[in-house]
Amino acid sequence: MFDFQKKIEKLRQFESLCFTVCVTLLTEEQAANNTAERVLCQLFADKSFWLMEESEKPPYILRLCTCECMQYKRQNQQNQVKTS
């Protein structure tokens, strides 16, 4: 298993992928940044992620980013309805 510093270094390789996916789906930079950060934190703790082959990681990250972005959009819509 990876130690803390190795995990951080590895996640830095996927940071731009996370942000690019999130900013594409959300278009709002701050929301995309926060969502990408949440995904990276999830990945850090995800034991299955660290056991995957390298070729499996980008599609997995894409799915996680998409799910987190959709969740953000749902919450944002609910909050807008409550304040209306």
Protein backbone atom coordinates (compact mmCIF):
# COMPACT_ATOMS: atom_id res chain seq x y z
CA MET A 1 0.00 0.00 0.00
CA PHE A 2 1.09 3.55 -0.69
CA ASP A 3 2.28 5.78 2.07
CA PHE A 4 0.87 9.27 2.56
CA GLN A 5 3.41 11.18 0.44
CA LYS A 6 3.26 8.71 -2.44
CA LYS A 7 -0.53 8.96 -2.50
CA ILE A 8 -0.32 12.75 -2.64
CA GLU A 9 2.18 12.65 -5.48
CA LYS A 10 0.03 10.21 -7.42
CA LEU A 11 -3.14 12.24 -6.88
CA ARG A 12 -1.38 15.34 -8.21
CA GLN A 13 -1.14 13.52 -11.54
CA PHE A 14 -4.94 13.33 -11.62
CA GLU A 15 -5.66 16.80 -10.27
CA SER A 16 -6.00 18.43 -13.70
CA LEU A 17 -8.26 15.63 -14.95
CA CYS A 18 -10.56 16.09 -11.95
CA PHE A 19 -10.70 19.85 -12.34
CA THR A 20 -11.20 19.72 -16.12
CA VAL A 21 -14.12 17.31 -15.82
CA CYS A 22 -15.71 19.29 -13.01
CA VAL A 23 -15.34 22.69 -14.65
CA THR A 24 -16.74 21.28 -17.90
CA LEU A 25 -19.80 19.91 -16.13
CA LEU A 26 -20.36 22.77 -13.69
CA THR A 27 -18.93 25.78 -15.64
CA GLU A 28 -18.55 27.67 -12.35
CA GLU A 29 -14.87 27.66 -11.39
CA GLN A 30 -15.26 27.79 -7.60
CA ALA A 31 -17.84 25.00 -7.57
CA ALA A 32 -15.65 22.93 -9.89
CA ASN A 33 -12.63 23.47 -7.67
CA ASN A 34 -14.53 22.42 -4.54
CA THR A 35 -16.00 19.39 -6.27
CA ALA A 36 -12.65 18.29 -7.69
CA GLU A 37 -11.13 18.63 -4.22
CA ARG A 38 -13.87 16.39 -2.78
CA VAL A 39 -13.19 13.78 -5.45
CA LEU A 40 -9.47 13.83 -4.75
CA CYS A 41 -10.14 13.37 -1.03
CA GLN A 42 -12.42 10.44 -1.80
CA LEU A 43 -9.74 8.90 -4.00
CA PHE A 44 -7.15 9.31 -1.26
CA ALA A 45 -9.23 7.11 1.06
CA ASP A 46 -10.45 4.69 -1.63
CA LYS A 47 -8.59 1.41 -1.17
CA SER A 48 -9.90 -0.01 -4.43
CA PHE A 49 -8.51 2.98 -6.37
CA TRP A 50 -4.98 2.23 -5.20
CA LEU A 51 -5.29 -1.40 -6.26
CA MET A 52 -6.47 -0.57 -9.80
CA GLU A 53 -4.34 -0.84 -12.91
CA GLU A 54 -3.22 2.57 -14.18
CA SER A 55 -5.44 2.24 -17.26
CA GLU A 56 -8.52 1.79 -15.04
CA LYS A 57 -7.99 4.95 -13.01
CA PRO A 58 -9.00 7.72 -15.47
CA PRO A 59 -12.42 6.20 -16.28
CA TYR A 60 -13.00 5.63 -12.57
CA ILE A 61 -12.11 9.25 -11.83
CA LEU A 62 -14.43 10.41 -14.62
CA ARG A 63 -17.32 8.49 -13.04
CA LEU A 64 -16.60 9.90 -9.59
CA CYS A 65 -16.35 13.46 -10.90
CA THR A 66 -19.58 13.08 -12.84
CA CYS A 67 -21.42 11.74 -9.79
CA GLU A 68 -20.10 14.52 -7.55
CA CYS A 69 -20.99 17.20 -10.10
CA MET A 70 -24.51 15.86 -10.50
CA GLN A 71 -24.90 15.78 -6.73
CA TYR A 72 -23.70 19.39 -6.54
CA LYS A 73 -26.20 20.44 -9.22
CA ARG A 74 -29.08 18.69 -7.41
CA GLN A 75 -28.18 20.34 -4.11
CA ASN A 76 -27.78 23.72 -5.79
CA GLN A 77 -31.19 23.41 -7.45
CA GLN A 78 -32.80 22.41 -4.14
CA ASN A 79 -31.20 25.39 -2.41
CA GLN A 80 -32.46 27.74 -5.14
CA VAL A 81 -36.00 26.38 -4.76
CA LYS A 82 -35.86 26.87 -0.97
CA THR A 83 -34.73 30.49 -1.30
CA SER A 84 -37.31 31.36 -3.95
